[in-house]
Amino acid sequence: MPTITFATGNEGKLSEARQQLEPLGFEIDAYGGGYPEIQADTLEAVARFGLETLAGEVPEPFLLEDAGLFVDALEGFPGVYSSYVFGTLGNEGILSLLADTEDPSARFRSVIGFRVDGEEHTFVGEVEGTITEQARGSAGFGFDPIFQPREAERTFAEMSPEEKIELSHRSRALARLREHLA
């Protein structure tokens, strides 16, 4: 069985990748060594930099993923800075920033970088939704408790892992990678 290495230390992301790619006959191993994430304007630029940084260090084929929450009323913030912002402000900080807004629309966006035989590819997934008025649910991670997909009546954190995979931005990006691999 061919192996694809996923450069992540996030068990949730690893689980989603395994559920999506193992049925195609791939074994998904984790590389938890990390890589520097540059400050860039787009998730694609962050993913490409990660691919270049890990080339030669991680056996090919390998993938990595960068994601962000883009809030319309905050002009796309936190966007590419989502991980840092979550670590400093958390869900309550984003809710505070939106306290006086009438537009709770947002989107989660995921970019998967994939490198095989020296070639780099990116695959994008996105899910539209809204920021809730308060955090709800305890599953998932990051901004999941305050993001409600447009197609659902619950936040990602209120869903089971299987339900979240049906709607998630990461799942949509992984589906595009699956198409590429098929």
N, C-alpha and C. Protein backbone atom coordinates (compact mmCIF):
# COMPACT_ATOMS: atom_id res chain seq x y z
N MET A 1 0.85 -1.18 0.00
CA MET A 1 0.00 0.00 0.00
C MET A 1 0.89 1.24 0.00
N PRO A 2 0.73 2.13 -0.97
CA PRO A 2 1.55 3.35 -0.99
C PRO A 2 1.24 4.26 0.20
N THR A 3 2.25 4.98 0.63
CA THR A 3 2.12 5.85 1.79
C THR A 3 2.20 7.31 1.38
N ILE A 4 1.32 8.12 1.96
CA ILE A 4 1.38 9.57 1.84
C ILE A 4 1.63 10.09 3.25
N THR A 5 2.61 10.96 3.39
CA THR A 5 2.92 11.55 4.69
C THR A 5 2.20 12.89 4.82
N PHE A 6 1.52 13.08 5.93
CA PHE A 6 0.80 14.32 6.21
C PHE A 6 1.60 15.07 7.26
N ALA A 7 2.09 16.24 6.91
CA ALA A 7 2.86 17.08 7.84
C ALA A 7 1.89 17.83 8.74
N THR A 8 1.53 17.19 9.85
CA THR A 8 0.63 17.80 10.82
C THR A 8 0.82 17.14 12.17
N GLY A 9 0.59 17.90 13.19
CA GLY A 9 0.56 17.36 14.54
C GLY A 9 -0.86 17.36 15.09
N ASN A 10 -1.83 17.73 14.24
CA ASN A 10 -3.22 17.84 14.62
C ASN A 10 -3.94 16.52 14.34
N GLU A 11 -4.34 15.84 15.39
CA GLU A 11 -5.00 14.53 15.25
C GLU A 11 -6.33 14.62 14.50
N GLY A 12 -7.05 15.73 14.66
CA GLY A 12 -8.31 15.91 13.95
C GLY A 12 -8.10 15.98 12.45
N LYS A 13 -7.11 16.74 12.03
CA LYS A 13 -6.79 16.84 10.60
C LYS A 13 -6.33 15.50 10.07
N LEU A 14 -5.49 14.81 10.83
CA LEU A 14 -4.98 13.51 10.41
C LEU A 14 -6.12 12.50 10.24
N SER A 15 -7.05 12.52 11.16
CA SER A 15 -8.21 11.62 11.09
C SER A 15 -9.04 11.89 9.84
N GLU A 16 -9.29 13.17 9.53
CA GLU A 16 -10.05 13.51 8.33
C GLU A 16 -9.33 13.02 7.08
N ALA A 17 -8.02 13.22 7.02
CA ALA A 17 -7.26 12.78 5.85
C ALA A 17 -7.32 11.26 5.71
N ARG A 18 -7.18 10.56 6.81
CA ARG A 18 -7.25 9.09 6.75
C ARG A 18 -8.62 8.62 6.25
N GLN A 19 -9.68 9.22 6.75
CA GLN A 19 -11.01 8.83 6.32
C GLN A 19 -11.24 9.08 4.84
N GLN A 20 -10.62 10.13 4.32
CA GLN A 20 -10.82 10.47 2.91
C GLN A 20 -9.90 9.69 1.96
N LEU A 21 -8.65 9.44 2.38
CA LEU A 21 -7.67 8.90 1.44
C LEU A 21 -7.39 7.41 1.58
N GLU A 22 -7.57 6.85 2.76
CA GLU A 22 -7.29 5.41 2.92
C GLU A 22 -8.20 4.53 2.07
N PRO A 23 -9.48 4.91 1.84
CA PRO A 23 -10.31 4.08 0.96
C PRO A 23 -9.78 3.99 -0.48
N LEU A 24 -8.90 4.92 -0.86
CA LEU A 24 -8.28 4.86 -2.19
C LEU A 24 -7.07 3.93 -2.21
N GLY A 25 -6.72 3.36 -1.06
CA GLY A 25 -5.60 2.44 -0.99
C GLY A 25 -4.30 3.06 -0.53
N PHE A 26 -4.36 4.24 0.09
CA PHE A 26 -3.17 4.90 0.61
C PHE A 26 -3.11 4.76 2.12
N GLU A 27 -1.91 4.57 2.64
CA GLU A 27 -1.68 4.65 4.07
C GLU A 27 -1.26 6.09 4.36
N ILE A 28 -1.82 6.68 5.40
CA ILE A 28 -1.50 8.06 5.75
C ILE A 28 -0.69 8.07 7.03
N ASP A 29 0.58 8.46 6.92
CA ASP A 29 1.47 8.59 8.07
C ASP A 29 1.56 10.06 8.44
N ALA A 30 1.88 10.32 9.69
CA ALA A 30 2.03 11.70 10.15
C ALA A 30 3.50 12.06 10.29
N TYR A 31 3.81 13.27 9.89
CA TYR A 31 5.11 13.89 10.17
C TYR A 31 4.81 15.04 11.11
N GLY A 32 5.26 14.93 12.34
CA GLY A 32 4.95 15.94 13.33
C GLY A 32 6.07 16.93 13.58
N GLY A 33 7.08 16.94 12.71
CA GLY A 33 8.22 17.82 12.91
C GLY A 33 7.93 19.28 12.70
N GLY A 34 6.80 19.60 12.10
CA GLY A 34 6.43 20.98 11.88
C GLY A 34 7.23 21.65 10.78
N TYR A 35 6.87 22.86 10.49
CA TYR A 35 7.55 23.68 9.49
C TYR A 35 7.19 25.13 9.77
N PRO A 36 8.04 26.05 9.38
CA PRO A 36 7.74 27.46 9.64
C PRO A 36 6.61 27.95 8.72
N GLU A 37 5.67 28.66 9.29
CA GLU A 37 4.60 29.24 8.50
C GLU A 37 4.91 30.72 8.30
N ILE A 38 5.12 31.10 7.05
CA ILE A 38 5.43 32.50 6.77
C ILE A 38 4.19 33.37 6.96
N GLN A 39 4.40 34.63 7.19
CA GLN A 39 3.31 35.60 7.21
C GLN A 39 3.08 36.01 5.77
N ALA A 40 1.97 35.59 5.21
CA ALA A 40 1.67 35.84 3.81
C ALA A 40 0.22 36.31 3.68
N ASP A 41 -0.12 36.78 2.50
CA ASP A 41 -1.47 37.29 2.26
C ASP A 41 -2.47 36.19 1.95
N THR A 42 -2.00 35.01 1.54
CA THR A 42 -2.92 33.95 1.15
C THR A 42 -2.52 32.61 1.77
N LEU A 43 -3.51 31.76 1.94
CA LEU A 43 -3.25 30.41 2.42
C LEU A 43 -2.42 29.63 1.39
N GLU A 44 -2.64 29.91 0.12
CA GLU A 44 -1.86 29.24 -0.93
C GLU A 44 -0.38 29.52 -0.78
N ALA A 45 -0.03 30.77 -0.49
CA ALA A 45 1.38 31.14 -0.33
C ALA A 45 1.99 30.43 0.88
N VAL A 46 1.22 30.33 1.96
CA VAL A 46 1.70 29.62 3.15
C VAL A 46 1.93 28.15 2.82
N ALA A 47 0.98 27.53 2.11
CA ALA A 47 1.10 26.12 1.75
C ALA A 47 2.30 25.89 0.82
N ARG A 48 2.46 26.75 -0.17
CA ARG A 48 3.60 26.57 -1.10
C ARG A 48 4.94 26.70 -0.37
N PHE A 49 5.03 27.64 0.54
CA PHE A 49 6.26 27.80 1.32
C PHE A 49 6.52 26.55 2.16
N GLY A 50 5.46 26.02 2.76
CA GLY A 50 5.61 24.78 3.53
C GLY A 50 6.09 23.63 2.68
N LEU A 51 5.54 23.49 1.48
CA LEU A 51 5.98 22.42 0.58
C LEU A 51 7.46 22.57 0.24
N GLU A 52 7.88 23.79 -0.07
CA GLU A 52 9.28 24.03 -0.42
C GLU A 52 10.20 23.76 0.77
N THR A 53 9.75 24.16 1.96
CA THR A 53 10.56 23.98 3.16
C THR A 53 10.75 22.50 3.49
N LEU A 54 9.70 21.70 3.32
CA LEU A 54 9.76 20.29 3.69
C LEU A 54 10.33 19.39 2.60
N ALA A 55 10.47 19.92 1.39
CA ALA A 55 11.03 19.12 0.29
C ALA A 55 12.42 18.64 0.69
N GLY A 56 12.66 17.35 0.56
CA GLY A 56 13.94 16.78 0.93
C GLY A 56 14.01 16.35 2.39
N GLU A 57 13.11 16.90 3.21
CA GLU A 57 13.08 16.53 4.63
C GLU A 57 12.01 15.46 4.90
N VAL A 58 10.91 15.55 4.16
CA VAL A 58 9.80 14.61 4.32
C VAL A 58 9.73 13.79 3.03
N PRO A 59 9.60 12.46 3.16
CA PRO A 59 9.54 11.64 1.95
C PRO A 59 8.30 11.95 1.11
N GLU A 60 8.48 11.99 -0.19
CA GLU A 60 7.34 12.21 -1.10
C GLU A 60 6.67 10.87 -1.38
N PRO A 61 5.38 10.91 -1.61
CA PRO A 61 4.50 12.07 -1.63
C PRO A 61 4.15 12.51 -0.21
N PHE A 62 3.96 13.82 -0.05
CA PHE A 62 3.51 14.34 1.24
C PHE A 62 2.53 15.48 1.02
N LEU A 63 1.79 15.75 2.07
CA LEU A 63 0.83 16.84 2.02
C LEU A 63 0.88 17.62 3.32
N LEU A 64 0.39 18.83 3.23
CA LEU A 64 0.21 19.68 4.40
C LEU A 64 -1.06 20.47 4.16
N GLU A 65 -1.56 21.09 5.20
CA GLU A 65 -2.81 21.83 5.06
C GLU A 65 -2.74 23.09 5.91
N ASP A 66 -3.23 24.18 5.35
CA ASP A 66 -3.37 25.41 6.11
C ASP A 66 -4.80 25.88 5.92
N ALA A 67 -5.39 26.37 6.98
CA ALA A 67 -6.79 26.77 6.93
C ALA A 67 -6.98 28.07 7.68
N GLY A 68 -8.07 28.73 7.39
CA GLY A 68 -8.37 29.97 8.08
C GLY A 68 -9.85 30.27 8.10
N LEU A 69 -10.23 31.06 9.07
CA LEU A 69 -11.59 31.57 9.19
C LEU A 69 -11.58 33.01 8.68
N PHE A 70 -12.42 33.28 7.70
CA PHE A 70 -12.48 34.60 7.08
C PHE A 70 -13.84 35.22 7.40
N VAL A 71 -13.85 36.28 8.21
CA VAL A 71 -15.09 36.91 8.67
C VAL A 71 -15.31 38.19 7.86
N ASP A 72 -16.46 38.25 7.19
CA ASP A 72 -16.75 39.37 6.29
C ASP A 72 -16.73 40.73 7.01
N ALA A 73 -17.38 40.83 8.16
CA ALA A 73 -17.46 42.11 8.87
C ALA A 73 -16.09 42.57 9.36
N LEU A 74 -15.14 41.65 9.44
CA LEU A 74 -13.77 42.00 9.86
C LEU A 74 -12.83 42.05 8.66
N GLU A 75 -13.40 42.21 7.46
CA GLU A 75 -12.63 42.30 6.22
C GLU A 75 -11.72 41.09 6.02
N GLY A 76 -12.24 39.91 6.35
CA GLY A 76 -11.49 38.68 6.14
C GLY A 76 -10.62 38.25 7.30
N PHE A 77 -10.53 39.07 8.34
CA PHE A 77 -9.76 38.72 9.53
C PHE A 77 -10.51 37.60 10.27
N PRO A 78 -9.84 36.66 10.89
CA PRO A 78 -8.40 36.48 11.05
C PRO A 78 -7.70 35.85 9.86
N GLY A 79 -8.44 35.20 8.94
CA GLY A 79 -7.86 34.70 7.70
C GLY A 79 -6.60 33.87 7.89
N VAL A 80 -5.52 34.25 7.20
CA VAL A 80 -4.27 33.49 7.26
C VAL A 80 -3.64 33.50 8.64
N TYR A 81 -4.10 34.39 9.50
CA TYR A 81 -3.56 34.48 10.87
C TYR A 81 -4.42 33.74 11.89
N SER A 82 -5.31 32.89 11.42
CA SER A 82 -6.29 32.23 12.30
C SER A 82 -5.66 31.47 13.45
N SER A 83 -4.62 30.72 13.20
CA SER A 83 -4.00 29.94 14.27
C SER A 83 -3.46 30.86 15.36
N TYR A 84 -2.76 31.90 14.96
CA TYR A 84 -2.21 32.85 15.92
C TYR A 84 -3.33 33.56 16.68
N VAL A 85 -4.34 34.02 15.93
CA VAL A 85 -5.44 34.76 16.55
C VAL A 85 -6.21 33.86 17.51
N PHE A 86 -6.42 32.60 17.13
CA PHE A 86 -7.11 31.70 18.05
C PHE A 86 -6.30 31.54 19.34
N GLY A 87 -4.99 31.43 19.21
CA GLY A 87 -4.14 31.28 20.38
C GLY A 87 -4.09 32.50 21.27
N THR A 88 -4.34 33.67 20.70
CA THR A 88 -4.28 34.89 21.51
C THR A 88 -5.66 35.41 21.92
N LEU A 89 -6.61 35.42 21.00
CA LEU A 89 -7.94 35.96 21.29
C LEU A 89 -8.97 34.88 21.60
N GLY A 90 -8.82 33.73 20.96
CA GLY A 90 -9.78 32.65 21.14
C GLY A 90 -11.13 32.99 20.53
N ASN A 91 -12.08 32.12 20.78
CA ASN A 91 -13.43 32.31 20.27
C ASN A 91 -14.09 33.55 20.87
N GLU A 92 -13.88 33.76 22.16
CA GLU A 92 -14.50 34.91 22.83
C GLU A 92 -14.00 36.23 22.24
N GLY A 93 -12.73 36.27 21.84
CA GLY A 93 -12.19 37.48 21.24
C GLY A 93 -12.85 37.81 19.92
N ILE A 94 -13.06 36.79 19.09
CA ILE A 94 -13.74 37.02 17.80
C ILE A 94 -15.18 37.46 18.06
N LEU A 95 -15.86 36.80 19.00
CA LEU A 95 -17.23 37.20 19.33
C LEU A 95 -17.28 38.64 19.82
N SER A 96 -16.31 39.07 20.59
CA SER A 96 -16.26 40.45 21.07
C SER A 96 -16.08 41.43 19.92
N LEU A 97 -15.23 41.07 18.97
CA LEU A 97 -15.01 41.95 17.82
C LEU A 97 -16.27 42.10 16.97
N LEU A 98 -17.15 41.11 17.03
CA LEU A 98 -18.37 41.12 16.22
C LEU A 98 -19.60 41.58 17.00
N ALA A 99 -19.42 42.00 18.23
CA ALA A 99 -20.55 42.33 19.10
C ALA A 99 -21.49 43.38 18.50
N ASP A 100 -20.98 44.32 17.76
CA ASP A 100 -21.81 45.41 17.23
C ASP A 100 -22.08 45.28 15.74
N THR A 101 -21.84 44.13 15.17
CA THR A 101 -22.05 43.98 13.72
C THR A 101 -23.37 43.27 13.44
N GLU A 102 -23.94 43.59 12.30
CA GLU A 102 -25.16 42.92 11.86
C GLU A 102 -24.87 41.85 10.82
N ASP A 103 -23.62 41.73 10.40
CA ASP A 103 -23.26 40.77 9.36
C ASP A 103 -22.36 39.69 9.95
N PRO A 104 -22.93 38.54 10.32
CA PRO A 104 -22.12 37.47 10.89
C PRO A 104 -21.55 36.51 9.84
N SER A 105 -21.64 36.85 8.56
CA SER A 105 -21.21 35.90 7.53
C SER A 105 -19.70 35.69 7.56
N ALA A 106 -19.33 34.45 7.28
CA ALA A 106 -17.92 34.04 7.32
C ALA A 106 -17.75 32.80 6.48
N ARG A 107 -16.51 32.43 6.29
CA ARG A 107 -16.21 31.18 5.59
C ARG A 107 -14.95 30.59 6.18
N PHE A 108 -14.94 29.28 6.19
CA PHE A 108 -13.72 28.54 6.51
C PHE A 108 -13.12 28.15 5.17
N ARG A 109 -11.82 28.30 5.05
CA ARG A 109 -11.12 27.98 3.81
C ARG A 109 -9.94 27.10 4.14
N SER A 110 -9.71 26.09 3.33
CA SER A 110 -8.60 25.15 3.51
C SER A 110 -7.82 25.05 2.22
N VAL A 111 -6.50 25.04 2.35
CA VAL A 111 -5.64 24.80 1.19
C VAL A 111 -4.72 23.63 1.54
N ILE A 112 -4.78 22.61 0.72
CA ILE A 112 -3.90 21.46 0.88
C ILE A 112 -2.78 21.60 -0.14
N GLY A 113 -1.56 21.52 0.35
CA GLY A 113 -0.39 21.47 -0.52
C GLY A 113 0.03 20.01 -0.63
N PHE A 114 0.31 19.56 -1.84
CA PHE A 114 0.68 18.17 -2.09
C PHE A 114 1.91 18.15 -2.99
N ARG A 115 2.90 17.38 -2.58
CA ARG A 115 4.13 17.28 -3.37
C ARG A 115 4.40 15.82 -3.68
N VAL A 116 4.60 15.55 -4.97
CA VAL A 116 4.91 14.20 -5.44
C VAL A 116 5.82 14.31 -6.65
N ASP A 117 6.87 13.51 -6.67
CA ASP A 117 7.84 13.51 -7.77
C ASP A 117 8.35 14.92 -8.08
N GLY A 118 8.56 15.72 -7.05
CA GLY A 118 9.09 17.06 -7.23
C GLY A 118 8.08 18.08 -7.72
N GLU A 119 6.84 17.67 -7.98
CA GLU A 119 5.80 18.60 -8.43
C GLU A 119 4.90 18.99 -7.27
N GLU A 120 4.52 20.27 -7.25
CA GLU A 120 3.67 20.79 -6.19
C GLU A 120 2.29 21.13 -6.73
N HIS A 121 1.29 20.78 -5.95
CA HIS A 121 -0.11 21.03 -6.31
C HIS A 121 -0.82 21.60 -5.09
N THR A 122 -1.83 22.43 -5.33
CA THR A 122 -2.66 22.92 -4.22
C THR A 122 -4.12 22.62 -4.55
N PHE A 123 -4.87 22.34 -3.49
CA PHE A 123 -6.29 22.01 -3.60
C PHE A 123 -7.04 22.81 -2.54
N VAL A 124 -8.11 23.49 -2.97
CA VAL A 124 -8.82 24.43 -2.11
C VAL A 124 -10.21 23.90 -1.79
N GLY A 125 -10.61 24.07 -0.55
CA GLY A 125 -11.97 23.76 -0.12
C GLY A 125 -12.49 24.92 0.73
N GLU A 126 -13.79 25.18 0.60
CA GLU A 126 -14.37 26.31 1.33
C GLU A 126 -15.78 25.95 1.75
N VAL A 127 -16.18 26.47 2.90
CA VAL A 127 -17.55 26.31 3.36
C VAL A 127 -18.04 27.66 3.89
N GLU A 128 -19.20 28.09 3.39
CA GLU A 128 -19.81 29.35 3.80
C GLU A 128 -20.64 29.13 5.05
N GLY A 129 -20.74 30.17 5.87
CA GLY A 129 -21.55 30.06 7.07
C GLY A 129 -21.63 31.37 7.80
N THR A 130 -21.91 31.27 9.10
CA THR A 130 -22.03 32.45 9.94
C THR A 130 -21.31 32.22 11.27
N ILE A 131 -20.98 33.33 11.89
CA ILE A 131 -20.43 33.29 13.25
C ILE A 131 -21.63 33.38 14.19
N THR A 132 -21.71 32.48 15.13
CA THR A 132 -22.82 32.45 16.08
C THR A 132 -22.64 33.54 17.14
N GLU A 133 -23.70 33.82 17.88
CA GLU A 133 -23.63 34.85 18.91
C GLU A 133 -22.88 34.39 20.15
N GLN A 134 -22.77 33.07 20.32
CA GLN A 134 -22.02 32.51 21.44
C GLN A 134 -21.44 31.17 21.02
N ALA A 135 -20.40 30.74 21.72
CA ALA A 135 -19.78 29.44 21.43
C ALA A 135 -20.76 28.34 21.81
N ARG A 136 -20.84 27.33 20.92
CA ARG A 136 -21.74 26.20 21.16
C ARG A 136 -21.03 24.90 20.78
N GLY A 137 -21.07 23.93 21.66
CA GLY A 137 -20.52 22.61 21.38
C GLY A 137 -19.12 22.44 21.92
N SER A 138 -18.72 21.17 22.03
CA SER A 138 -17.42 20.86 22.60
C SER A 138 -16.57 19.96 21.72
N ALA A 139 -17.07 19.58 20.57
CA ALA A 139 -16.28 18.75 19.66
C ALA A 139 -15.42 19.64 18.77
N GLY A 140 -14.58 19.02 17.95
CA GLY A 140 -13.77 19.79 17.02
C GLY A 140 -12.66 20.54 17.72
N PHE A 141 -12.19 21.59 17.07
CA PHE A 141 -11.09 22.38 17.62
C PHE A 141 -11.13 23.77 17.02
N GLY A 142 -10.33 24.66 17.56
CA GLY A 142 -10.22 26.02 17.02
C GLY A 142 -11.54 26.77 17.06
N PHE A 143 -11.89 27.39 15.96
CA PHE A 143 -13.09 28.21 15.87
C PHE A 143 -14.36 27.41 15.63
N ASP A 144 -14.30 26.08 15.68
CA ASP A 144 -15.48 25.24 15.44
C ASP A 144 -16.69 25.62 16.30
N PRO A 145 -16.53 26.01 17.58
CA PRO A 145 -17.71 26.34 18.39
C PRO A 145 -18.45 27.60 17.99
N ILE A 146 -17.85 28.46 17.16
CA ILE A 146 -18.54 29.70 16.78
C ILE A 146 -18.88 29.75 15.29
N PHE A 147 -18.60 28.67 14.56
CA PHE A 147 -18.89 28.67 13.12
C PHE A 147 -20.01 27.69 12.82
N GLN A 148 -21.06 28.21 12.18
CA GLN A 148 -22.19 27.39 11.77
C GLN A 148 -22.26 27.39 10.24
N PRO A 149 -22.04 26.23 9.61
CA PRO A 149 -22.14 26.17 8.15
C PRO A 149 -23.55 26.54 7.68
N ARG A 150 -23.62 27.14 6.53
CA ARG A 150 -24.89 27.57 5.96
C ARG A 150 -25.87 26.40 5.84
N GLU A 151 -25.35 25.20 5.54
CA GLU A 151 -26.20 24.03 5.32
C GLU A 151 -26.63 23.34 6.62
N ALA A 152 -26.28 23.90 7.76
CA ALA A 152 -26.55 23.22 9.03
C ALA A 152 -27.20 24.15 10.04
N GLU A 153 -27.75 23.56 11.07
CA GLU A 153 -28.35 24.33 12.15
C GLU A 153 -27.53 24.22 13.42
N ARG A 154 -26.34 23.63 13.29
CA ARG A 154 -25.44 23.47 14.43
C ARG A 154 -24.04 23.91 14.02
N THR A 155 -23.24 24.26 15.02
CA THR A 155 -21.85 24.61 14.75
C THR A 155 -21.06 23.33 14.47
N PHE A 156 -19.86 23.50 13.92
CA PHE A 156 -18.99 22.35 13.72
C PHE A 156 -18.73 21.64 15.06
N ALA A 157 -18.64 22.39 16.15
CA ALA A 157 -18.35 21.79 17.46
C ALA A 157 -19.54 21.04 18.04
N GLU A 158 -20.72 21.22 17.47
CA GLU A 158 -21.90 20.48 17.91
C GLU A 158 -22.12 19.21 17.08
N MET A 159 -21.28 19.01 16.08
CA MET A 159 -21.44 17.87 15.19
C MET A 159 -20.50 16.73 15.58
N SER A 160 -20.90 15.53 15.19
CA SER A 160 -19.99 14.39 15.32
C SER A 160 -18.89 14.55 14.28
N PRO A 161 -17.75 13.88 14.45
CA PRO A 161 -16.71 13.96 13.42
C PRO A 161 -17.21 13.58 12.03
N GLU A 162 -18.09 12.59 11.96
CA GLU A 162 -18.62 12.16 10.66
C GLU A 162 -19.49 13.24 10.02
N GLU A 163 -20.30 13.91 10.84
CA GLU A 163 -21.14 14.99 10.31
C GLU A 163 -20.28 16.16 9.83
N LYS A 164 -19.26 16.50 10.61
CA LYS A 164 -18.39 17.61 10.23
C LYS A 164 -17.68 17.31 8.92
N ILE A 165 -17.21 16.08 8.75
CA ILE A 165 -16.50 15.71 7.53
C ILE A 165 -17.38 15.89 6.30
N GLU A 166 -18.68 15.68 6.45
CA GLU A 166 -19.60 15.86 5.32
C GLU A 166 -19.62 17.30 4.82
N LEU A 167 -19.33 18.27 5.70
CA LEU A 167 -19.47 19.68 5.34
C LEU A 167 -18.18 20.48 5.35
N SER A 168 -17.13 19.95 5.94
CA SER A 168 -15.96 20.79 6.23
C SER A 168 -15.18 21.25 5.01
N HIS A 169 -14.54 22.38 5.18
CA HIS A 169 -13.65 22.96 4.18
C HIS A 169 -12.49 22.01 3.88
N ARG A 170 -11.94 21.39 4.91
CA ARG A 170 -10.82 20.45 4.75
C ARG A 170 -11.27 19.24 3.94
N SER A 171 -12.46 18.75 4.25
CA SER A 171 -13.01 17.61 3.52
C SER A 171 -13.18 17.95 2.04
N ARG A 172 -13.58 19.16 1.75
CA ARG A 172 -13.77 19.58 0.35
C ARG A 172 -12.42 19.69 -0.36
N ALA A 173 -11.41 20.18 0.34
CA ALA A 173 -10.07 20.23 -0.26
C ALA A 173 -9.53 18.81 -0.46
N LEU A 174 -9.75 17.94 0.52
CA LEU A 174 -9.30 16.55 0.40
C LEU A 174 -10.02 15.84 -0.74
N ALA A 175 -11.28 16.18 -0.97
CA ALA A 175 -12.02 15.58 -2.10
C ALA A 175 -11.37 15.96 -3.43
N ARG A 176 -10.87 17.18 -3.52
CA ARG A 176 -10.18 17.59 -4.76
C ARG A 176 -8.85 16.85 -4.91
N LEU A 177 -8.16 16.63 -3.78
CA LEU A 177 -6.94 15.82 -3.82
C LEU A 177 -7.27 14.39 -4.22
N ARG A 178 -8.36 13.85 -3.70
CA ARG A 178 -8.78 12.48 -4.06
C ARG A 178 -9.00 12.38 -5.57
N GLU A 179 -9.68 13.37 -6.15
CA GLU A 179 -9.90 13.37 -7.60
C GLU A 179 -8.58 13.35 -8.35
N HIS A 180 -7.62 14.10 -7.85
CA HIS A 180 -6.29 14.16 -8.48
C HIS A 180 -5.60 12.80 -8.39
N LEU A 181 -5.75 12.12 -7.26
CA LEU A 181 -5.07 10.84 -7.05
C LEU A 181 -5.74 9.68 -7.78
N ALA A 182 -7.03 9.82 -8.07
CA ALA A 182 -7.80 8.72 -8.66
C ALA A 182 -7.43 8.44 -10.11
